[in-house]
Amino acid sequence: MCDRIAILKDGKVISLENIEVMRSNAYKKIILRIPETTEIHTLDMDGVSSFEQNGTQASFLFKGDVNLLLDRLRQHQLLDILIEEPPLEEIFMHYYK
């Protein structure tokens, strides 16, 4: 296994990172379970990307101060929240969007 990765886009290196650094300093995957009547179309703040809402579930990637994110989420009615490390494939795909 390797311990560093290079991400190429259009033939150019756009990121060269240690895998563990990328995982720990990078994005967190956030999954929210919300009531049927709640719509979180977007969380308009720095660090939120790949936002999707499908019925009673919203998910997105977040990079930044989790305390700021939690302050913003307090504005919404939530039934559950899951914060996890995204798979490397999802982190890689974020660079290509």
Foldseek 3Di string as FASTA:
>chain_A
DDQWDFADDPRDTPDIGGVVCCQPQHKKKKKFFADQVDDPPDQPDPFWDPWDDDGRMIMTIGGDDVVVVVVSCVVGGTPDMDIGGDPPVVVSVVVVD
